[in-house]
Amino acid sequence: MAWAILGATSGDVLSYWVGHTFQNELRQLWLFKRFPKLIKKGENLFHRHGMLAVFIGRFTGPARPFVPIIAGMMKMPVKPFLTIDILSAIAWAPVYMLPGIFLGAASLELSPEFTQIVFFSILATVFFIFIGTWLIERYLFLSFLLYLTMLIGLTYSVMHHGVAIQYNDVIASIFQHFHNPLADKILLGLTFLGDGEVLIFLVFSVFAWLIYQRAWNTAGHWFLNSTLTFLGAYFLKHFVNYPRPETIRVIEHNASFPSGHTTASVAIYGFLSVIIARQLPKDTRWVAFTPAIILAVSIAFTRLYFSAHWLSDIAGGVTLGLACLCLSSFSYSHTEAEKLPLKSLLITSALTLLAAWSVFFYNNFTF
């Protein structure tokens, strides 16, 4: 993973240097003459998103190799380019490589039947993310009803030991094969980003900031979403009272279903992205949603990695979190848009999250 990050960054730095050194002379090369649309796409990306285009370009298909060159041609300052490029490489490497690494390791350690389960689980996760995102963008209330129905079905199935728990032991046994000290430390830090104590600080900090900005509608819906999320997870855990895996590798004292970390990360980070997206043009709102999706999926993964939850707990957390998110977003979408200073909101959220995470990580680090 480290070599992938280093390789991606090194290639981009070289491309940036070429673009910065030769600038418009590059347009005369046969490659750029033959494929002028690729250069144009990269330039449009910079005109629309500014320096953020370096981060976006990392995940944007055919235009990806040309973004660093164009950044150099457009004389983007070196320090911002390096900062954004390194951060994008750190995000890109696990997103693109972990599914393949995980599947490859599973194929070596497990039977063909188990490997097929892993493969189709990854495909199902990707499919669910794309379909869920498409559905939420267009039919919020219908999405709420759908996820609520799924949650009720999952809860009933878990309580009656039905199909929802059929693959719990299989998935748990798979994750027991993939552990090393470095990954444990990194993923432990990541899982803390979904802890209730960390997110409570984020909730109250953003709520106070919204009140200070006199954004009453946004503050009310932020508080509504957070309340639904925490109370929903709390009562459902006590109602179902499903035991955690015996192989759990982190200290947890409450019931297993649904995963509180997954529920909170989906709903809290999700609604924060909704607030941010409302300040952006419609065609760029995916910039706000994508980091929230990546973070929520990553936190859910850590709960399986540490055997803190069963697969059914993760499914329950996702559906509960999405139900809360869709209901709050549906109500929020019917209120008048409030103009917010986006940079201030991002700084407030990031600093609060960093401070709360640092304190929690320091107090709970056990490796």
Protein backbone atom coordinates (compact mmCIF):
# COMPACT_ATOMS: atom_id res chain seq x y z
CA MET A 1 0.00 0.00 0.00
CA ALA A 2 2.81 2.40 0.90
CA TRP A 3 4.59 1.62 -2.36
CA ALA A 4 1.37 2.31 -4.30
CA ILE A 5 1.03 5.70 -2.61
CA LEU A 6 4.70 6.50 -3.26
CA GLY A 7 4.46 5.37 -6.89
CA ALA A 8 1.30 7.37 -7.57
CA THR A 9 2.75 10.50 -5.97
CA SER A 10 6.13 10.15 -7.75
CA GLY A 11 4.47 9.79 -11.14
CA ASP A 12 2.31 12.84 -10.51
CA VAL A 13 5.29 14.93 -9.38
CA LEU A 14 7.16 14.02 -12.56
CA SER A 15 4.11 14.87 -14.69
CA TYR A 16 3.69 18.16 -12.83
CA TRP A 17 7.34 19.04 -13.48
CA VAL A 18 6.96 18.25 -17.19
CA GLY A 19 3.86 20.42 -17.43
CA HIS A 20 5.41 23.26 -15.45
CA THR A 21 8.64 23.17 -17.47
CA PHE A 22 7.30 22.86 -21.01
CA GLN A 23 3.78 24.30 -20.55
CA ASN A 24 2.03 25.02 -23.88
CA GLU A 25 4.79 23.39 -25.92
CA LEU A 26 3.26 20.06 -24.85
CA ARG A 27 0.18 20.75 -26.96
CA GLN A 28 2.31 20.16 -30.06
CA LEU A 29 3.16 16.58 -29.07
CA TRP A 30 1.46 13.86 -31.12
CA LEU A 31 -0.32 12.41 -28.07
CA PHE A 32 -2.07 15.66 -27.20
CA LYS A 33 -2.79 16.43 -30.86
CA ARG A 34 -4.40 13.02 -31.25
CA PHE A 35 -6.46 13.21 -28.06
CA PRO A 36 -7.25 16.92 -27.52
CA LYS A 37 -10.46 16.14 -25.62
CA LEU A 38 -8.52 14.60 -22.73
CA ILE A 39 -6.57 17.82 -22.21
CA LYS A 40 -9.80 19.78 -22.51
CA LYS A 41 -11.48 17.62 -19.86
CA GLY A 42 -8.58 18.22 -17.50
CA GLU A 43 -8.68 21.98 -18.07
CA ASN A 44 -12.44 22.04 -17.50
CA LEU A 45 -11.90 20.18 -14.24
CA PHE A 46 -9.53 22.92 -13.06
CA HIS A 47 -11.83 25.73 -14.19
CA ARG A 48 -14.74 24.20 -12.27
CA HIS A 49 -13.00 23.03 -9.10
CA GLY A 50 -9.73 24.96 -8.84
CA MET A 51 -7.01 23.24 -6.80
CA LEU A 52 -9.48 20.59 -5.67
CA ALA A 53 -9.27 19.24 -9.23
CA VAL A 54 -6.03 17.45 -8.26
CA PHE A 55 -7.92 15.40 -5.68
CA ILE A 56 -10.94 14.82 -7.92
CA GLY A 57 -8.75 13.91 -10.88
CA ARG A 58 -7.23 11.02 -8.94
CA PHE A 59 -10.60 9.24 -9.13
CA THR A 60 -11.70 10.44 -12.59
CA GLY A 61 -11.09 7.78 -15.26
CA PRO A 62 -9.46 8.90 -18.53
CA ALA A 63 -8.56 12.40 -17.35
CA ARG A 64 -6.52 11.09 -14.38
CA PRO A 65 -3.07 10.92 -16.05
CA PHE A 66 -3.39 14.43 -17.49
CA VAL A 67 -4.40 16.32 -14.32
CA PRO A 68 -0.84 16.68 -12.86
CA ILE A 69 0.50 17.82 -16.25
CA ILE A 70 -2.28 20.39 -16.59
CA ALA A 71 -1.67 21.54 -13.02
CA GLY A 72 1.92 22.28 -14.02
CA MET A 73 0.88 23.92 -17.30
CA MET A 74 -1.52 26.19 -15.38
CA LYS A 75 1.28 27.10 -12.93
CA MET A 76 -0.44 25.73 -9.84
CA PRO A 77 1.80 26.48 -6.79
CA VAL A 78 4.02 23.55 -5.79
CA LYS A 79 3.09 23.28 -2.08
CA PRO A 80 -0.70 23.11 -2.57
CA PHE A 81 -0.21 20.64 -5.41
CA LEU A 82 1.98 18.33 -3.31
CA THR A 83 -0.33 18.55 -0.30
CA ILE A 84 -3.48 17.72 -2.24
CA ASP A 85 -1.76 15.11 -4.39
CA ILE A 86 -0.34 13.20 -1.41
CA LEU A 87 -3.70 13.26 0.40
CA SER A 88 -5.48 12.02 -2.73
CA ALA A 89 -2.93 9.21 -3.14
CA ILE A 90 -3.46 8.14 0.48
CA ALA A 91 -7.22 7.99 -0.16
CA TRP A 92 -6.88 6.39 -3.59
CA ALA A 93 -4.61 3.48 -2.70
CA PRO A 94 -6.89 1.67 -0.20
CA VAL A 95 -10.05 2.39 -2.20
CA TYR A 96 -8.63 0.84 -5.35
CA MET A 97 -6.40 -1.86 -3.86
CA LEU A 98 -7.98 -3.24 -0.69
CA PRO A 99 -10.86 -5.07 -2.40
CA GLY A 100 -8.40 -6.86 -4.71
CA ILE A 101 -5.92 -7.60 -1.90
CA PHE A 102 -8.71 -8.89 0.31
CA LEU A 103 -10.15 -11.09 -2.44
CA GLY A 104 -6.71 -12.43 -3.42
CA ALA A 105 -5.84 -13.28 0.18
CA ALA A 106 -9.22 -14.93 0.62
CA SER A 107 -8.67 -17.09 -2.45
CA LEU A 108 -5.41 -18.41 -0.94
CA GLU A 109 -6.72 -19.02 2.57
CA LEU A 110 -10.28 -20.15 1.94
CA SER A 111 -12.19 -22.74 -0.01
CA PRO A 112 -13.60 -21.83 -3.43
CA GLU A 113 -17.09 -21.57 -1.92
CA PHE A 114 -15.95 -19.04 0.69
CA THR A 115 -13.99 -17.10 -1.94
CA GLN A 116 -17.14 -16.79 -4.03
CA ILE A 117 -18.98 -15.41 -1.01
CA VAL A 118 -16.28 -12.76 -0.55
CA PHE A 119 -16.34 -11.86 -4.25
CA PHE A 120 -20.09 -11.47 -4.42
CA SER A 121 -20.12 -9.57 -1.12
CA ILE A 122 -17.74 -6.99 -2.62
CA LEU A 123 -19.85 -6.75 -5.79
CA ALA A 124 -23.03 -6.41 -3.72
CA THR A 125 -21.46 -3.63 -1.64
CA VAL A 126 -20.42 -1.65 -4.74
CA PHE A 127 -23.83 -2.21 -6.33
CA PHE A 128 -25.63 -1.13 -3.15
CA ILE A 129 -23.57 2.07 -2.93
CA PHE A 130 -24.28 3.09 -6.53
CA ILE A 131 -27.97 2.17 -6.48
CA GLY A 132 -28.46 3.67 -3.02
CA THR A 133 -26.79 6.93 -4.05
CA TRP A 134 -28.86 7.13 -7.25
CA LEU A 135 -32.09 6.43 -5.36
CA ILE A 136 -31.40 8.92 -2.55
CA GLU A 137 -30.58 11.69 -5.03
CA ARG A 138 -33.97 11.32 -6.74
CA TYR A 139 -36.51 9.84 -4.33
CA LEU A 140 -35.74 10.72 -0.73
CA PHE A 141 -39.01 9.72 0.92
CA LEU A 142 -39.26 6.52 -1.13
CA SER A 143 -35.68 5.75 -0.06
CA PHE A 144 -36.65 6.28 3.58
CA LEU A 145 -39.56 3.83 3.27
CA LEU A 146 -37.34 1.31 1.48
CA TYR A 147 -34.54 1.42 4.08
CA LEU A 148 -37.04 1.37 6.95
CA THR A 149 -38.66 -1.75 5.46
CA MET A 150 -35.25 -3.37 5.03
CA LEU A 151 -34.37 -2.52 8.64
CA ILE A 152 -37.58 -4.07 9.95
CA GLY A 153 -36.94 -7.21 7.90
CA LEU A 154 -33.33 -7.45 9.08
CA THR A 155 -34.33 -6.96 12.71
CA TYR A 156 -37.00 -9.66 12.52
CA SER A 157 -34.59 -12.05 10.79
CA VAL A 158 -31.81 -11.48 13.35
CA MET A 159 -34.17 -11.94 16.31
CA HIS A 160 -35.51 -15.20 14.83
CA HIS A 161 -32.11 -16.47 13.59
CA GLY A 162 -33.16 -16.24 9.96
CA VAL A 163 -31.39 -15.66 6.67
CA ALA A 164 -29.83 -12.36 7.84
CA ILE A 165 -27.33 -14.22 10.04
CA GLN A 166 -26.64 -17.05 7.58
CA TYR A 167 -23.18 -15.76 6.56
CA ASN A 168 -22.16 -14.16 9.87
CA ASP A 169 -19.81 -16.97 10.91
CA VAL A 170 -18.34 -17.29 7.41
CA ILE A 171 -17.48 -13.59 7.12
CA ALA A 172 -16.16 -13.51 10.71
CA SER A 173 -13.84 -16.45 10.00
CA ILE A 174 -12.56 -14.76 6.84
CA PHE A 175 -11.51 -11.62 8.71
CA GLN A 176 -9.66 -13.64 11.33
CA HIS A 177 -7.06 -14.48 8.64
CA PHE A 178 -6.12 -10.87 7.88
CA HIS A 179 -4.34 -9.14 10.72
CA ASN A 180 -0.97 -7.48 11.20
CA PRO A 181 0.25 -4.93 13.77
CA LEU A 182 0.54 -1.99 11.35
CA ALA A 183 -2.94 -2.52 9.88
CA ASP A 184 -4.33 -2.90 13.40
CA LYS A 185 -3.03 0.52 14.43
CA ILE A 186 -4.19 2.28 11.26
CA LEU A 187 -7.65 0.73 11.28
CA LEU A 188 -8.05 1.31 15.01
CA GLY A 189 -7.53 5.01 14.39
CA LEU A 190 -10.07 4.86 11.58
CA THR A 191 -12.69 3.02 13.61
CA PHE A 192 -12.48 5.71 16.31
CA LEU A 193 -13.86 8.21 13.76
CA GLY A 194 -17.19 6.40 14.08
CA ASP A 195 -17.23 6.27 17.87
CA GLY A 196 -20.17 7.93 19.58
CA GLU A 197 -17.99 9.99 21.91
CA VAL A 198 -16.10 11.48 18.95
CA LEU A 199 -19.23 12.14 16.92
CA ILE A 200 -21.06 13.73 19.86
CA PHE A 201 -18.39 16.45 19.89
CA LEU A 202 -18.83 16.94 16.15
CA VAL A 203 -22.62 17.12 16.49
CA PHE A 204 -22.57 19.78 19.21
CA SER A 205 -19.77 21.77 17.60
CA VAL A 206 -21.53 21.98 14.22
CA PHE A 207 -24.85 22.65 15.96
CA ALA A 208 -23.32 25.57 17.91
CA TRP A 209 -21.72 26.90 14.72
CA LEU A 210 -25.05 26.75 12.87
CA ILE A 211 -26.80 28.58 15.71
CA TYR A 212 -24.07 31.24 15.61
CA GLN A 213 -24.70 31.59 11.88
CA ARG A 214 -28.46 31.88 12.59
CA ALA A 215 -29.09 28.97 10.25
CA TRP A 216 -32.11 27.81 12.22
CA ASN A 217 -33.51 25.33 9.68
CA THR A 218 -30.15 23.65 9.13
CA ALA A 219 -29.42 23.53 12.87
CA GLY A 220 -32.81 22.00 13.59
CA HIS A 221 -32.44 19.29 10.98
CA TRP A 222 -28.84 18.57 12.01
CA PHE A 223 -30.07 18.07 15.58
CA LEU A 224 -33.05 15.99 14.37
CA ASN A 225 -30.84 13.69 12.31
CA SER A 226 -28.36 13.22 15.16
CA THR A 227 -31.09 12.53 17.71
CA LEU A 228 -32.81 9.97 15.47
CA THR A 229 -29.48 8.29 14.84
CA PHE A 230 -28.28 7.91 18.42
CA LEU A 231 -31.68 7.08 19.92
CA GLY A 232 -32.50 4.65 17.10
CA ALA A 233 -29.24 2.73 17.57
CA TYR A 234 -29.58 2.77 21.38
CA PHE A 235 -33.15 1.43 21.52
CA LEU A 236 -32.64 -1.12 18.75
CA LYS A 237 -29.55 -2.53 20.49
CA HIS A 238 -31.50 -2.99 23.72
CA PHE A 239 -34.57 -4.35 21.93
CA VAL A 240 -32.70 -7.00 19.91
CA ASN A 241 -29.89 -7.61 22.45
CA TYR A 242 -27.89 -9.74 20.02
CA PRO A 243 -24.49 -10.94 21.35
CA ARG A 244 -21.21 -9.81 19.80
CA PRO A 245 -18.70 -12.20 18.20
CA GLU A 246 -16.61 -14.13 20.70
CA THR A 247 -13.47 -13.21 18.76
CA ILE A 248 -13.94 -9.45 19.29
CA ARG A 249 -10.58 -7.62 19.33
CA VAL A 250 -11.70 -4.25 20.74
CA ILE A 251 -13.41 -3.43 24.02
CA GLU A 252 -17.17 -3.04 23.63
CA HIS A 253 -19.78 -3.31 26.38
CA ASN A 254 -23.14 -3.08 24.63
CA ALA A 255 -25.16 -5.35 22.33
CA SER A 256 -24.17 -6.05 18.75
CA PHE A 257 -27.15 -5.30 16.46
CA PRO A 258 -27.08 -2.81 14.84
CA SER A 259 -23.51 -1.50 14.59
CA GLY A 260 -23.55 1.89 16.31
CA HIS A 261 -20.36 3.02 14.58
CA THR A 262 -21.81 2.18 11.16
CA THR A 263 -25.17 3.79 11.92
CA ALA A 264 -23.60 7.00 13.18
CA SER A 265 -21.00 7.30 10.42
CA VAL A 266 -23.63 6.82 7.69
CA ALA A 267 -26.13 9.28 9.21
CA ILE A 268 -23.86 11.93 10.76
CA TYR A 269 -21.20 12.20 8.06
CA GLY A 270 -23.92 11.70 5.48
CA PHE A 271 -26.02 14.63 6.68
CA LEU A 272 -22.93 16.82 7.04
CA SER A 273 -22.26 16.11 3.37
CA VAL A 274 -25.87 17.08 2.58
CA ILE A 275 -25.38 20.44 4.30
CA ILE A 276 -22.13 21.01 2.39
CA ALA A 277 -23.64 19.85 -0.92
CA ARG A 278 -26.49 22.34 -0.58
CA GLN A 279 -23.92 25.13 -0.83
CA LEU A 280 -22.56 23.73 -4.11
CA PRO A 281 -23.86 23.70 -7.69
CA LYS A 282 -25.87 20.55 -8.46
CA ASP A 283 -23.31 19.15 -10.87
CA THR A 284 -20.54 19.27 -8.26
CA ARG A 285 -22.40 17.97 -5.21
CA TRP A 286 -20.83 14.56 -5.59
CA VAL A 287 -17.64 16.20 -4.31
CA ALA A 288 -19.35 16.46 -0.91
CA PHE A 289 -20.96 13.01 -0.98
CA THR A 290 -17.95 10.96 -2.08
CA PRO A 291 -15.75 11.49 1.04
CA ALA A 292 -18.73 10.70 3.30
CA ILE A 293 -19.41 7.44 1.44
CA ILE A 294 -15.74 6.41 1.54
CA LEU A 295 -15.48 7.21 5.25
CA ALA A 296 -18.69 5.36 6.18
CA VAL A 297 -17.73 2.26 4.16
CA SER A 298 -14.22 2.30 5.67
CA ILE A 299 -15.54 2.52 9.24
CA ALA A 300 -17.99 -0.32 8.56
CA PHE A 301 -15.05 -2.38 7.25
CA THR A 302 -13.06 -1.80 10.45
CA ARG A 303 -15.92 -3.16 12.56
CA LEU A 304 -15.71 -6.44 10.66
CA TYR A 305 -11.91 -6.39 10.70
CA PHE A 306 -11.78 -6.18 14.50
CA SER A 307 -14.63 -8.72 14.87
CA ALA A 308 -16.55 -6.05 16.76
CA HIS A 309 -19.68 -6.89 14.77
CA TRP A 310 -21.33 -9.50 12.64
CA LEU A 311 -22.14 -8.85 8.98
CA SER A 312 -25.83 -8.58 9.94
CA ASP A 313 -24.92 -5.81 12.41
CA ILE A 314 -23.24 -3.83 9.63
CA ALA A 315 -26.28 -4.31 7.37
CA GLY A 316 -28.54 -3.13 10.20
CA GLY A 317 -26.33 -0.11 10.88
CA VAL A 318 -26.30 0.89 7.21
CA THR A 319 -30.08 0.61 6.81
CA LEU A 320 -30.82 2.43 10.08
CA GLY A 321 -28.32 5.17 9.24
CA LEU A 322 -29.73 5.60 5.73
CA ALA A 323 -33.31 5.65 7.04
CA CYS A 324 -32.43 8.47 9.48
CA LEU A 325 -30.45 10.29 6.80
CA CYS A 326 -33.21 10.06 4.17
CA LEU A 327 -35.96 11.19 6.55
CA SER A 328 -33.94 14.18 7.79
CA SER A 329 -32.79 15.08 4.27
CA PHE A 330 -36.36 14.84 2.92
CA SER A 331 -37.58 17.31 5.53
CA TYR A 332 -34.51 19.53 5.03
CA SER A 333 -35.03 19.63 1.26
CA HIS A 334 -38.46 21.23 1.80
CA THR A 335 -37.02 24.20 3.69
CA GLU A 336 -35.60 27.39 2.25
CA ALA A 337 -31.89 27.09 1.48
CA GLU A 338 -29.69 28.98 3.94
CA LYS A 339 -26.44 30.45 2.67
CA LEU A 340 -23.54 29.30 4.82
CA PRO A 341 -19.82 30.19 4.77
CA LEU A 342 -18.60 26.85 3.47
CA LYS A 343 -14.92 27.32 4.32
CA SER A 344 -15.77 28.15 7.94
CA LEU A 345 -18.02 25.09 8.20
CA LEU A 346 -15.32 22.80 6.83
CA ILE A 347 -12.67 24.20 9.16
CA THR A 348 -14.97 23.94 12.19
CA SER A 349 -15.92 20.35 11.37
CA ALA A 350 -12.35 19.26 10.60
CA LEU A 351 -10.78 20.84 13.70
CA THR A 352 -13.49 19.49 16.00
CA LEU A 353 -13.18 16.01 14.56
CA LEU A 354 -9.39 16.12 14.79
CA ALA A 355 -9.43 17.33 18.41
CA ALA A 356 -12.07 14.83 19.56
CA TRP A 357 -10.42 11.96 17.69
CA SER A 358 -6.97 12.83 19.12
CA VAL A 359 -8.24 12.84 22.71
CA PHE A 360 -10.22 9.63 22.26
CA PHE A 361 -7.36 7.91 20.43
CA TYR A 362 -4.86 8.88 23.14
CA ASN A 363 -7.13 7.62 25.93
CA ASN A 364 -8.06 4.34 24.26
CA PHE A 365 -5.03 3.24 22.27
CA THR A 366 -4.23 -0.26 23.51
CA PHE A 367 -1.87 -1.71 20.88
